[in-house]
Amino acid sequence: MPENTNIEGDIFGGWIMAQVDIAGGVLAARHARGRVATVAVNSFQFNQPVQIGDLLSLYAEIVRVGNTSITINVEVYAQRNPEEIEIVKVTEATLTYVATDKDRRPRKVPPLPAK
C-alpha cells in the first residue's frame, strides 16, 4: 500500500522487517508451544528492493535451539512481472526468540527432534 513505500517508491524496509519478525515468531512460538519474544536480530540483509505489486513469500527455518531460545532463519522471495514471472530472493535474516512463561520470564523449550 502507498503508506508502506519509501521516498523512492519501493516498499519500506521497516515494513519488511516487521513481516520477517512475524514469520520467525510464528515458527518459534509453534516450536516453543507458547509465547515467545524477539531478543535479537542477528543479521538482516536486503538483497533487492521490494517493488509495489510484488507478491512476497516468507520461508522460516529453525537453525538452533538452546535452553530457552530459538534461532530462526527467514528468507523472503518476491514474485514479480506477471507477464513473465520472475522470482527473486529480496531479503534474508536471522532472528533469536526466547520462550517466556505467563510472567514473561524465560522458560525451557523442547529440543529439536532427531533427524
PDB file of N, CA and C in Angstrom:
ATOM      1  N   MET A   1       0.845  -1.188   0.000  1.00  0.00           N
ATOM      2  CA  MET A   1       0.000   0.000   0.000  1.00  0.00           C
ATOM      3  C   MET A   1       0.888   1.247   0.000  1.00  0.00           C
ATOM      4  N   PRO A   2       0.383   2.354  -0.482  1.00  0.00           N
ATOM      5  CA  PRO A   2       1.195   3.574  -0.581  1.00  0.00           C
ATOM      6  C   PRO A   2       1.828   4.003   0.750  1.00  0.00           C
ATOM      7  N   GLU A   3       1.142   3.776   1.859  1.00  0.00           N
ATOM      8  CA  GLU A   3       1.722   4.194   3.145  1.00  0.00           C
ATOM      9  C   GLU A   3       2.919   3.340   3.551  1.00  0.00           C
ATOM     10  N   ASN A   4       3.161   2.230   2.820  1.00  0.00           N
ATOM     11  CA  ASN A   4       4.295   1.347   3.113  1.00  0.00           C
ATOM     12  C   ASN A   4       5.446   1.546   2.148  1.00  0.00           C
ATOM     13  N   THR A   5       5.465   2.673   1.430  1.00  0.00           N
ATOM     14  CA  THR A   5       6.542   2.926   0.479  1.00  0.00           C
ATOM     15  C   THR A   5       7.499   3.988   1.006  1.00  0.00           C
ATOM     16  N   ASN A   6       8.749   3.883   0.524  1.00  0.00           N
ATOM     17  CA  ASN A   6       9.737   4.896   0.881  1.00  0.00           C
ATOM     18  C   ASN A   6       9.738   5.998  -0.181  1.00  0.00           C
ATOM     19  N   ILE A   7      10.642   6.954  -0.067  1.00  0.00           N
ATOM     20  CA  ILE A   7      10.633   8.089  -0.987  1.00  0.00           C
ATOM     21  C   ILE A   7      11.004   7.689  -2.410  1.00  0.00           C
ATOM     22  N   GLU A   8      11.600   6.525  -2.598  1.00  0.00           N
ATOM     23  CA  GLU A   8      11.951   6.040  -3.936  1.00  0.00           C
ATOM     24  C   GLU A   8      10.808   5.261  -4.582  1.00  0.00           C
ATOM     25  N   GLY A   9       9.729   5.015  -3.821  1.00  0.00           N
ATOM     26  CA  GLY A   9       8.597   4.280  -4.366  1.00  0.00           C
ATOM     27  C   GLY A   9       8.674   2.775  -4.182  1.00  0.00           C
ATOM     28  N   ASP A  10       9.683   2.299  -3.441  1.00  0.00           N
ATOM     29  CA  ASP A  10       9.784   0.874  -3.106  1.00  0.00           C
ATOM     30  C   ASP A  10       9.147   0.648  -1.737  1.00  0.00           C
ATOM     31  N   ILE A  11       8.904  -0.611  -1.406  1.00  0.00           N
ATOM     32  CA  ILE A  11       8.315  -0.925  -0.110  1.00  0.00           C
ATOM     33  C   ILE A  11       9.324  -0.602   0.994  1.00  0.00           C
ATOM     34  N   PHE A  12       8.855   0.066   2.025  1.00  0.00           N
ATOM     35  CA  PHE A  12       9.677   0.497   3.160  1.00  0.00           C
ATOM     36  C   PHE A  12      10.302  -0.715   3.852  1.00  0.00           C
ATOM     37  N   GLY A  13      11.609  -0.663   4.065  1.00  0.00           N
ATOM     38  CA  GLY A  13      12.339  -1.763   4.694  1.00  0.00           C
ATOM     39  C   GLY A  13      11.819  -2.118   6.072  1.00  0.00           C
ATOM     40  N   GLY A  14      11.343  -1.141   6.817  1.00  0.00           N
ATOM     41  CA  GLY A  14      10.801  -1.407   8.153  1.00  0.00           C
ATOM     42  C   GLY A  14       9.562  -2.286   8.105  1.00  0.00           C
ATOM     43  N   TRP A  15       8.750  -2.132   7.059  1.00  0.00           N
ATOM     44  CA  TRP A  15       7.567  -2.981   6.900  1.00  0.00           C
ATOM     45  C   TRP A  15       7.996  -4.417   6.638  1.00  0.00           C
ATOM     46  N   ILE A  16       9.015  -4.585   5.793  1.00  0.00           N
ATOM     47  CA  ILE A  16       9.528  -5.932   5.504  1.00  0.00           C
ATOM     48  C   ILE A  16      10.105  -6.548   6.777  1.00  0.00           C
ATOM     49  N   MET A  17      10.831  -5.763   7.553  1.00  0.00           N
ATOM     50  CA  MET A  17      11.393  -6.269   8.811  1.00  0.00           C
ATOM     51  C   MET A  17      10.285  -6.764   9.742  1.00  0.00           C
ATOM     52  N   ALA A  18       9.186  -6.048   9.804  1.00  0.00           N
ATOM     53  CA  ALA A  18       8.071  -6.467  10.660  1.00  0.00           C
ATOM     54  C   ALA A  18       7.497  -7.799  10.190  1.00  0.00           C
ATOM     55  N   GLN A  19       7.368  -7.971   8.870  1.00  0.00           N
ATOM     56  CA  GLN A  19       6.823  -9.227   8.349  1.00  0.00           C
ATOM     57  C   GLN A  19       7.768 -10.393   8.638  1.00  0.00           C
ATOM     58  N   VAL A  20       9.076 -10.146   8.525  1.00  0.00           N
ATOM     59  CA  VAL A  20      10.078 -11.172   8.844  1.00  0.00           C
ATOM     60  C   VAL A  20       9.979 -11.558  10.310  1.00  0.00           C
ATOM     61  N   ASP A  21       9.830 -10.580  11.191  1.00  0.00           N
ATOM     62  CA  ASP A  21       9.717 -10.856  12.625  1.00  0.00           C
ATOM     63  C   ASP A  21       8.461 -11.677  12.917  1.00  0.00           C
ATOM     64  N   ILE A  22       7.375 -11.354  12.252  1.00  0.00           N
ATOM     65  CA  ILE A  22       6.134 -12.119  12.444  1.00  0.00           C
ATOM     66  C   ILE A  22       6.336 -13.557  11.984  1.00  0.00           C
ATOM     67  N   ALA A  23       6.894 -13.747  10.787  1.00  0.00           N
ATOM     68  CA  ALA A  23       7.100 -15.099  10.257  1.00  0.00           C
ATOM     69  C   ALA A  23       8.003 -15.922  11.173  1.00  0.00           C
ATOM     70  N   GLY A  24       9.102 -15.336  11.612  1.00  0.00           N
ATOM     71  CA  GLY A  24      10.000 -16.049  12.520  1.00  0.00           C
ATOM     72  C   GLY A  24       9.345 -16.344  13.855  1.00  0.00           C
ATOM     73  N   GLY A  25       8.568 -15.386  14.347  1.00  0.00           N
ATOM     74  CA  GLY A  25       7.888 -15.562  15.635  1.00  0.00           C
ATOM     75  C   GLY A  25       6.835 -16.655  15.603  1.00  0.00           C
ATOM     76  N   VAL A  26       6.153 -16.802  14.468  1.00  0.00           N
ATOM     77  CA  VAL A  26       5.148 -17.868  14.347  1.00  0.00           C
ATOM     78  C   VAL A  26       5.813 -19.228  14.478  1.00  0.00           C
ATOM     79  N   LEU A  27       6.934 -19.426  13.762  1.00  0.00           N
ATOM     80  CA  LEU A  27       7.632 -20.715  13.845  1.00  0.00           C
ATOM     81  C   LEU A  27       8.224 -20.931  15.236  1.00  0.00           C
ATOM     82  N   ALA A  28       8.809 -19.906  15.819  1.00  0.00           N
ATOM     83  CA  ALA A  28       9.388 -20.035  17.163  1.00  0.00           C
ATOM     84  C   ALA A  28       8.314 -20.379  18.186  1.00  0.00           C
ATOM     85  N   ALA A  29       7.165 -19.714  18.113  1.00  0.00           N
ATOM     86  CA  ALA A  29       6.069 -19.978  19.058  1.00  0.00           C
ATOM     87  C   ALA A  29       5.524 -21.389  18.877  1.00  0.00           C
ATOM     88  N   ARG A  30       5.450 -21.843  17.641  1.00  0.00           N
ATOM     89  CA  ARG A  30       4.973 -23.206  17.386  1.00  0.00           C
ATOM     90  C   ARG A  30       5.920 -24.221  18.027  1.00  0.00           C
ATOM     91  N   HIS A  31       7.232 -24.011  17.835  1.00  0.00           N
ATOM     92  CA  HIS A  31       8.195 -24.944  18.433  1.00  0.00           C
ATOM     93  C   HIS A  31       8.186 -24.849  19.957  1.00  0.00           C
ATOM     94  N   ALA A  32       8.115 -23.632  20.473  1.00  0.00           N
ATOM     95  CA  ALA A  32       8.142 -23.413  21.924  1.00  0.00           C
ATOM     96  C   ALA A  32       6.831 -23.801  22.588  1.00  0.00           C
ATOM     97  N   ARG A  33       5.797 -23.981  21.781  1.00  0.00           N
ATOM     98  CA  ARG A  33       4.454 -24.297  22.279  1.00  0.00           C
ATOM     99  C   ARG A  33       3.937 -23.210  23.220  1.00  0.00           C
ATOM    100  N   GLY A  34       4.118 -21.973  22.782  1.00  0.00           N
ATOM    101  CA  GLY A  34       3.624 -20.856  23.580  1.00  0.00           C
ATOM    102  C   GLY A  34       4.318 -19.554  23.235  1.00  0.00           C
ATOM    103  N   ARG A  35       4.167 -18.620  24.127  1.00  0.00           N
ATOM    104  CA  ARG A  35       4.654 -17.242  23.945  1.00  0.00           C
ATOM    105  C   ARG A  35       6.172 -17.208  23.743  1.00  0.00           C
ATOM    106  N   VAL A  36       6.576 -16.335  22.806  1.00  0.00           N
ATOM    107  CA  VAL A  36       7.993 -16.040  22.602  1.00  0.00           C
ATOM    108  C   VAL A  36       8.147 -14.534  22.442  1.00  0.00           C
ATOM    109  N   ALA A  37       9.363 -14.069  22.655  1.00  0.00           N
ATOM    110  CA  ALA A  37       9.684 -12.655  22.446  1.00  0.00           C
ATOM    111  C   ALA A  37      10.959 -12.567  21.616  1.00  0.00           C
ATOM    112  N   THR A  38      11.004 -11.625  20.708  1.00  0.00           N
ATOM    113  CA  THR A  38      12.205 -11.401  19.919  1.00  0.00           C
ATOM    114  C   THR A  38      13.270 -10.802  20.838  1.00  0.00           C
ATOM    115  N   VAL A  39      14.452 -11.420  20.869  1.00  0.00           N
ATOM    116  CA  VAL A  39      15.523 -10.882  21.705  1.00  0.00           C
ATOM    117  C   VAL A  39      16.704 -10.381  20.897  1.00  0.00           C
ATOM    118  N   ALA A  40      16.819 -10.818  19.625  1.00  0.00           N
ATOM    119  CA  ALA A  40      17.938 -10.343  18.809  1.00  0.00           C
ATOM    120  C   ALA A  40      17.612 -10.470  17.330  1.00  0.00           C
ATOM    121  N   VAL A  41      18.062  -9.483  16.602  1.00  0.00           N
ATOM    122  CA  VAL A  41      18.119  -9.590  15.152  1.00  0.00           C
ATOM    123  C   VAL A  41      19.597  -9.804  14.856  1.00  0.00           C
ATOM    124  N   ASN A  42      19.952 -11.059  14.632  1.00  0.00           N
ATOM    125  CA  ASN A  42      21.362 -11.426  14.469  1.00  0.00           C
ATOM    126  C   ASN A  42      21.932 -10.906  13.157  1.00  0.00           C
ATOM    127  N   SER A  43      21.138 -10.979  12.105  1.00  0.00           N
ATOM    128  CA  SER A  43      21.556 -10.435  10.812  1.00  0.00           C
ATOM    129  C   SER A  43      20.311 -10.113  10.004  1.00  0.00           C
ATOM    130  N   PHE A  44      20.464  -9.141   9.129  1.00  0.00           N
ATOM    131  CA  PHE A  44      19.349  -8.748   8.269  1.00  0.00           C
ATOM    132  C   PHE A  44      19.955  -8.164   7.005  1.00  0.00           C
ATOM    133  N   GLN A  45      19.648  -8.770   5.872  1.00  0.00           N
ATOM    134  CA  GLN A  45      20.226  -8.311   4.625  1.00  0.00           C
ATOM    135  C   GLN A  45      19.131  -8.098   3.590  1.00  0.00           C
ATOM    136  N   PHE A  46      19.120  -6.898   3.013  1.00  0.00           N
ATOM    137  CA  PHE A  46      18.221  -6.597   1.907  1.00  0.00           C
ATOM    138  C   PHE A  46      19.018  -6.815   0.625  1.00  0.00           C
ATOM    139  N   ASN A  47      18.634  -7.814  -0.161  1.00  0.00           N
ATOM    140  CA  ASN A  47      19.356  -8.138  -1.392  1.00  0.00           C
ATOM    141  C   ASN A  47      18.871  -7.324  -2.579  1.00  0.00           C
ATOM    142  N   GLN A  48      17.559  -7.078  -2.639  1.00  0.00           N
ATOM    143  CA  GLN A  48      16.963  -6.298  -3.719  1.00  0.00           C
ATOM    144  C   GLN A  48      15.776  -5.533  -3.152  1.00  0.00           C
ATOM    145  N   PRO A  49      15.430  -4.409  -3.764  1.00  0.00           N
ATOM    146  CA  PRO A  49      14.242  -3.696  -3.294  1.00  0.00           C
ATOM    147  C   PRO A  49      12.973  -4.500  -3.574  1.00  0.00           C
ATOM    148  N   VAL A  50      11.991  -4.315  -2.721  1.00  0.00           N
ATOM    149  CA  VAL A  50      10.666  -4.885  -2.952  1.00  0.00           C
ATOM    150  C   VAL A  50       9.856  -3.800  -3.630  1.00  0.00           C
ATOM    151  N   GLN A  51       9.274  -4.154  -4.763  1.00  0.00           N
ATOM    152  CA  GLN A  51       8.560  -3.184  -5.573  1.00  0.00           C
ATOM    153  C   GLN A  51       7.060  -3.269  -5.310  1.00  0.00           C
ATOM    154  N   ILE A  52       6.381  -2.181  -5.551  1.00  0.00           N
ATOM    155  CA  ILE A  52       4.922  -2.192  -5.470  1.00  0.00           C
ATOM    156  C   ILE A  52       4.420  -3.225  -6.471  1.00  0.00           C
ATOM    157  N   GLY A  53       3.519  -4.088  -6.031  1.00  0.00           N
ATOM    158  CA  GLY A  53       2.976  -5.134  -6.883  1.00  0.00           C
ATOM    159  C   GLY A  53       3.653  -6.478  -6.717  1.00  0.00           C
ATOM    160  N   ASP A  54       4.822  -6.517  -6.047  1.00  0.00           N
ATOM    161  CA  ASP A  54       5.471  -7.807  -5.787  1.00  0.00           C
ATOM    162  C   ASP A  54       4.598  -8.647  -4.867  1.00  0.00           C
ATOM    163  N   LEU A  55       4.575  -9.947  -5.109  1.00  0.00           N
ATOM    164  CA  LEU A  55       3.916 -10.892  -4.222  1.00  0.00           C
ATOM    165  C   LEU A  55       5.020 -11.547  -3.398  1.00  0.00           C
ATOM    166  N   LEU A  56       4.979 -11.354  -2.074  1.00  0.00           N
ATOM    167  CA  LEU A  56       6.044 -11.868  -1.214  1.00  0.00           C
ATOM    168  C   LEU A  56       5.680 -13.211  -0.608  1.00  0.00           C
ATOM    169  N   SER A  57       6.691 -14.071  -0.500  1.00  0.00           N
ATOM    170  CA  SER A  57       6.580 -15.343   0.222  1.00  0.00           C
ATOM    171  C   SER A  57       7.723 -15.375   1.219  1.00  0.00           C
ATOM    172  N   LEU A  58       7.395 -15.724   2.466  1.00  0.00           N
ATOM    173  CA  LEU A  58       8.400 -15.794   3.518  1.00  0.00           C
ATOM    174  C   LEU A  58       8.534 -17.240   3.967  1.00  0.00           C
ATOM    175  N   TYR A  59       9.769 -17.701   4.095  1.00  0.00           N
ATOM    176  CA  TYR A  59      10.059 -19.071   4.495  1.00  0.00           C
ATOM    177  C   TYR A  59      10.956 -19.032   5.724  1.00  0.00           C
ATOM    178  N   ALA A  60      10.518 -19.705   6.787  1.00  0.00           N
ATOM    179  CA  ALA A  60      11.254 -19.695   8.048  1.00  0.00           C
ATOM    180  C   ALA A  60      11.722 -21.104   8.377  1.00  0.00           C
ATOM    181  N   GLU A  61      12.916 -21.183   8.978  1.00  0.00           N
ATOM    182  CA  GLU A  61      13.505 -22.472   9.348  1.00  0.00           C
ATOM    183  C   GLU A  61      14.245 -22.320  10.672  1.00  0.00           C
ATOM    184  N   ILE A  62      14.058 -23.287  11.554  1.00  0.00           N
ATOM    185  CA  ILE A  62      14.793 -23.285  12.824  1.00  0.00           C
ATOM    186  C   ILE A  62      16.230 -23.706  12.544  1.00  0.00           C
ATOM    187  N   VAL A  63      17.186 -22.915  13.041  1.00  0.00           N
ATOM    188  CA  VAL A  63      18.593 -23.263  12.845  1.00  0.00           C
ATOM    189  C   VAL A  63      19.302 -23.626  14.145  1.00  0.00           C
ATOM    190  N   ARG A  64      18.711 -23.256  15.267  1.00  0.00           N
ATOM    191  CA  ARG A  64      19.329 -23.581  16.558  1.00  0.00           C
ATOM    192  C   ARG A  64      18.274 -23.499  17.640  1.00  0.00           C
ATOM    193  N   VAL A  65      18.368 -24.429  18.577  1.00  0.00           N
ATOM    194  CA  VAL A  65      17.518 -24.389  19.768  1.00  0.00           C
ATOM    195  C   VAL A  65      18.428 -24.476  20.977  1.00  0.00           C
ATOM    196  N   GLY A  66      18.291 -23.503  21.889  1.00  0.00           N
ATOM    197  CA  GLY A  66      19.034 -23.511  23.139  1.00  0.00           C
ATOM    198  C   GLY A  66      18.120 -23.970  24.268  1.00  0.00           C
ATOM    199  N   ASN A  67      18.482 -23.621  25.487  1.00  0.00           N
ATOM    200  CA  ASN A  67      17.645 -23.983  26.634  1.00  0.00           C
ATOM    201  C   ASN A  67      16.323 -23.221  26.640  1.00  0.00           C
ATOM    202  N   THR A  68      16.401 -21.923  26.359  1.00  0.00           N
ATOM    203  CA  THR A  68      15.199 -21.081  26.357  1.00  0.00           C
ATOM    204  C   THR A  68      15.022 -20.325  25.048  1.00  0.00           C
ATOM    205  N   SER A  69      15.974 -20.444  24.133  1.00  0.00           N
ATOM    206  CA  SER A  69      15.944 -19.640  22.914  1.00  0.00           C
ATOM    207  C   SER A  69      15.841 -20.499  21.658  1.00  0.00           C
ATOM    208  N   ILE A  70      15.354 -19.852  20.608  1.00  0.00           N
ATOM    209  CA  ILE A  70      15.211 -20.485  19.299  1.00  0.00           C
ATOM    210  C   ILE A  70      15.703 -19.473  18.267  1.00  0.00           C
ATOM    211  N   THR A  71      16.634 -19.898  17.420  1.00  0.00           N
ATOM    212  CA  THR A  71      17.141 -19.041  16.358  1.00  0.00           C
ATOM    213  C   THR A  71      16.532 -19.493  15.040  1.00  0.00           C
ATOM    214  N   ILE A  72      16.033 -18.520  14.286  1.00  0.00           N
ATOM    215  CA  ILE A  72      15.278 -18.779  13.058  1.00  0.00           C
ATOM    216  C   ILE A  72      15.909 -18.014  11.893  1.00  0.00           C
ATOM    217  N   ASN A  73      16.058 -18.685  10.764  1.00  0.00           N
ATOM    218  CA  ASN A  73      16.407 -18.007   9.507  1.00  0.00           C
ATOM    219  C   ASN A  73      15.122 -17.772   8.740  1.00  0.00           C
ATOM    220  N   VAL A  74      14.999 -16.592   8.163  1.00  0.00           N
ATOM    221  CA  VAL A  74      13.840 -16.267   7.333  1.00  0.00           C
ATOM    222  C   VAL A  74      14.356 -15.754   5.989  1.00  0.00           C
ATOM    223  N   GLU A  75      13.824 -16.322   4.916  1.00  0.00           N
ATOM    224  CA  GLU A  75      14.128 -15.850   3.567  1.00  0.00           C
ATOM    225  C   GLU A  75      12.851 -15.297   2.954  1.00  0.00           C
ATOM    226  N   VAL A  76      12.990 -14.197   2.235  1.00  0.00           N
ATOM    227  CA  VAL A  76      11.837 -13.542   1.600  1.00  0.00           C
ATOM    228  C   VAL A  76      12.077 -13.530   0.093  1.00  0.00           C
ATOM    229  N   TYR A  77      11.095 -14.035  -0.641  1.00  0.00           N
ATOM    230  CA  TYR A  77      11.147 -14.073  -2.095  1.00  0.00           C
ATOM    231  C   TYR A  77      10.012 -13.215  -2.652  1.00  0.00           C
ATOM    232  N   ALA A  78      10.312 -12.528  -3.742  1.00  0.00           N
ATOM    233  CA  ALA A  78       9.311 -11.711  -4.430  1.00  0.00           C
ATOM    234  C   ALA A  78       9.018 -12.330  -5.782  1.00  0.00           C
ATOM    235  N   GLN A  79       7.726 -12.472  -6.068  1.00  0.00           N
ATOM    236  CA  GLN A  79       7.294 -12.845  -7.413  1.00  0.00           C
ATOM    237  C   GLN A  79       6.871 -11.558  -8.097  1.00  0.00           C
ATOM    238  N   ARG A  80       7.494 -11.280  -9.213  1.00  0.00           N
ATOM    239  CA  ARG A  80       7.193 -10.030  -9.910  1.00  0.00           C
ATOM    240  C   ARG A  80       7.033 -10.270 -11.401  1.00  0.00           C
ATOM    241  N   ASN A  81       6.580  -9.240 -12.094  1.00  0.00           N
ATOM    242  CA  ASN A  81       6.396  -9.253 -13.534  1.00  0.00           C
ATOM    243  C   ASN A  81       5.380 -10.319 -13.960  1.00  0.00           C
ATOM    244  N   PRO A  82       4.088 -10.079 -13.754  1.00  0.00           N
ATOM    245  CA  PRO A  82       3.066 -11.087 -14.037  1.00  0.00           C
ATOM    246  C   PRO A  82       3.067 -11.599 -15.478  1.00  0.00           C
ATOM    247  N   GLU A  83       3.508 -10.771 -16.442  1.00  0.00           N
ATOM    248  CA  GLU A  83       3.526 -11.227 -17.839  1.00  0.00           C
ATOM    249  C   GLU A  83       4.566 -12.312 -18.062  1.00  0.00           C
ATOM    250  N   GLU A  84       5.689 -12.200 -17.394  1.00  0.00           N
ATOM    251  CA  GLU A  84       6.774 -13.179 -17.495  1.00  0.00           C
ATOM    252  C   GLU A  84       7.358 -13.323 -16.089  1.00  0.00           C
ATOM    253  N   ILE A  85       6.741 -14.188 -15.303  1.00  0.00           N
ATOM    254  CA  ILE A  85       7.023 -14.270 -13.866  1.00  0.00           C
ATOM    255  C   ILE A  85       8.512 -14.456 -13.582  1.00  0.00           C
ATOM    256  N   GLU A  86       8.962 -13.674 -12.629  1.00  0.00           N
ATOM    257  CA  GLU A  86      10.336 -13.737 -12.148  1.00  0.00           C
ATOM    258  C   GLU A  86      10.263 -13.848 -10.623  1.00  0.00           C
ATOM    259  N   ILE A  87      11.062 -14.752 -10.048  1.00  0.00           N
ATOM    260  CA  ILE A  87      11.104 -14.906  -8.587  1.00  0.00           C
ATOM    261  C   ILE A  87      12.523 -14.603  -8.130  1.00  0.00           C
ATOM    262  N   VAL A  88      12.641 -13.672  -7.181  1.00  0.00           N
ATOM    263  CA  VAL A  88      13.954 -13.270  -6.680  1.00  0.00           C
ATOM    264  C   VAL A  88      13.951 -13.250  -5.154  1.00  0.00           C
ATOM    265  N   LYS A  89      15.098 -13.630  -4.575  1.00  0.00           N
ATOM    266  CA  LYS A  89      15.252 -13.504  -3.117  1.00  0.00           C
ATOM    267  C   LYS A  89      15.558 -12.048  -2.827  1.00  0.00           C
ATOM    268  N   VAL A  90      14.707 -11.420  -2.021  1.00  0.00           N
ATOM    269  CA  VAL A  90      14.870  -9.992  -1.750  1.00  0.00           C
ATOM    270  C   VAL A  90      15.462  -9.709  -0.374  1.00  0.00           C
ATOM    271  N   THR A  91      15.236 -10.611   0.573  1.00  0.00           N
ATOM    272  CA  THR A  91      15.688 -10.365   1.946  1.00  0.00           C
ATOM    273  C   THR A  91      16.006 -11.685   2.622  1.00  0.00           C
ATOM    274  N   GLU A  92      16.990 -11.665   3.525  1.00  0.00           N
ATOM    275  CA  GLU A  92      17.257 -12.819   4.380  1.00  0.00           C
ATOM    276  C   GLU A  92      17.670 -12.303   5.752  1.00  0.00           C
ATOM    277  N   ALA A  93      17.265 -13.032   6.776  1.00  0.00           N
ATOM    278  CA  ALA A  93      17.528 -12.570   8.140  1.00  0.00           C
ATOM    279  C   ALA A  93      17.632 -13.761   9.084  1.00  0.00           C
ATOM    280  N   THR A  94      18.309 -13.529  10.192  1.00  0.00           N
ATOM    281  CA  THR A  94      18.375 -14.495  11.285  1.00  0.00           C
ATOM    282  C   THR A  94      17.987 -13.756  12.558  1.00  0.00           C
ATOM    283  N   LEU A  95      16.994 -14.311  13.266  1.00  0.00           N
ATOM    284  CA  LEU A  95      16.497 -13.700  14.498  1.00  0.00           C
ATOM    285  C   LEU A  95      16.495 -14.736  15.616  1.00  0.00           C
ATOM    286  N   THR A  96      16.618 -14.271  16.837  1.00  0.00           N
ATOM    287  CA  THR A  96      16.551 -15.149  18.000  1.00  0.00           C
ATOM    288  C   THR A  96      15.381 -14.730  18.880  1.00  0.00           C
ATOM    289  N   TYR A  97      14.632 -15.730  19.300  1.00  0.00           N
ATOM    290  CA  TYR A  97      13.457 -15.553  20.163  1.00  0.00           C
ATOM    291  C   TYR A  97      13.702 -16.306  21.453  1.00  0.00           C
ATOM    292  N   VAL A  98      13.135 -15.809  22.537  1.00  0.00           N
ATOM    293  CA  VAL A  98      13.191 -16.530  23.806  1.00  0.00           C
ATOM    294  C   VAL A  98      11.760 -16.889  24.202  1.00  0.00           C
ATOM    295  N   ALA A  99      11.594 -18.116  24.668  1.00  0.00           N
ATOM    296  CA  ALA A  99      10.284 -18.558  25.148  1.00  0.00           C
ATOM    297  C   ALA A  99      10.057 -17.963  26.530  1.00  0.00           C
ATOM    298  N   THR A 100       8.829 -17.518  26.782  1.00  0.00           N
ATOM    299  CA  THR A 100       8.529 -16.920  28.085  1.00  0.00           C
ATOM    300  C   THR A 100       7.287 -17.567  28.686  1.00  0.00           C
ATOM    301  N   ASP A 101       7.243 -17.551  30.007  1.00  0.00           N
ATOM    302  CA  ASP A 101       6.082 -18.103  30.716  1.00  0.00           C
ATOM    303  C   ASP A 101       5.037 -17.007  30.908  1.00  0.00           C
ATOM    304  N   LYS A 102       4.006 -17.309  31.694  1.00  0.00           N
ATOM    305  CA  LYS A 102       2.910 -16.345  31.879  1.00  0.00           C
ATOM    306  C   LYS A 102       3.369 -15.060  32.567  1.00  0.00           C
ATOM    307  N   ASP A 103       4.506 -15.125  33.288  1.00  0.00           N
ATOM    308  CA  ASP A 103       5.061 -13.937  33.934  1.00  0.00           C
ATOM    309  C   ASP A 103       6.131 -13.265  33.070  1.00  0.00           C
ATOM    310  N   ARG A 104       6.249 -13.730  31.836  1.00  0.00           N
ATOM    311  CA  ARG A 104       7.214 -13.207  30.863  1.00  0.00           C
ATOM    312  C   ARG A 104       8.660 -13.457  31.278  1.00  0.00           C
ATOM    313  N   ARG A 105       8.867 -14.542  31.994  1.00  0.00           N
ATOM    314  CA  ARG A 105      10.224 -14.973  32.344  1.00  0.00           C
ATOM    315  C   ARG A 105      10.631 -16.091  31.395  1.00  0.00           C
ATOM    316  N   PRO A 106      11.929 -16.198  31.077  1.00  0.00           N
ATOM    317  CA  PRO A 106      12.368 -17.276  30.179  1.00  0.00           C
ATOM    318  C   PRO A 106      11.972 -18.650  30.705  1.00  0.00           C
ATOM    319  N   ARG A 107      11.610 -19.529  29.770  1.00  0.00           N
ATOM    320  CA  ARG A 107      11.277 -20.900  30.131  1.00  0.00           C
ATOM    321  C   ARG A 107      11.932 -21.846  29.135  1.00  0.00           C
ATOM    322  N   LYS A 108      12.082 -23.082  29.526  1.00  0.00           N
ATOM    323  CA  LYS A 108      12.719 -24.091  28.675  1.00  0.00           C
ATOM    324  C   LYS A 108      11.875 -24.360  27.437  1.00  0.00           C
ATOM    325  N   VAL A 109      12.573 -24.715  26.367  1.00  0.00           N
ATOM    326  CA  VAL A 109      11.900 -25.118  25.128  1.00  0.00           C
ATOM    327  C   VAL A 109      12.321 -26.552  24.792  1.00  0.00           C
ATOM    328  N   PRO A 110      11.478 -27.272  24.060  1.00  0.00           N
ATOM    329  CA  PRO A 110      11.845 -28.634  23.695  1.00  0.00           C
ATOM    330  C   PRO A 110      13.017 -28.623  22.697  1.00  0.00           C
ATOM    331  N   PRO A 111      13.841 -29.653  22.738  1.00  0.00           N
ATOM    332  CA  PRO A 111      14.937 -29.720  21.758  1.00  0.00           C
ATOM    333  C   PRO A 111      14.384 -30.014  20.362  1.00  0.00           C
ATOM    334  N   LEU A 112      15.220 -29.813  19.372  1.00  0.00           N
ATOM    335  CA  LEU A 112      14.838 -30.193  18.008  1.00  0.00           C
ATOM    336  C   LEU A 112      14.722 -31.704  17.930  1.00  0.00           C
ATOM    337  N   PRO A 113      13.754 -32.219  17.195  1.00  0.00           N
ATOM    338  CA  PRO A 113      13.662 -33.665  17.047  1.00  0.00           C
ATOM    339  C   PRO A 113      14.882 -34.197  16.288  1.00  0.00           C
ATOM    340  N   ALA A 114      15.271 -35.403  16.608  1.00  0.00           N
ATOM    341  CA  ALA A 114      16.414 -36.024  15.913  1.00  0.00           C
ATOM    342  C   ALA A 114      16.037 -36.284  14.458  1.00  0.00           C
ATOM    343  N   LYS A 115      16.998 -36.116  13.577  1.00  0.00           N
ATOM    344  CA  LYS A 115      16.752 -36.335  12.141  1.00  0.00           C
ATOM    345  C   LYS A 115      17.022 -37.773  11.766  1.00  0.00           C
TER     346      LYS A 115
END
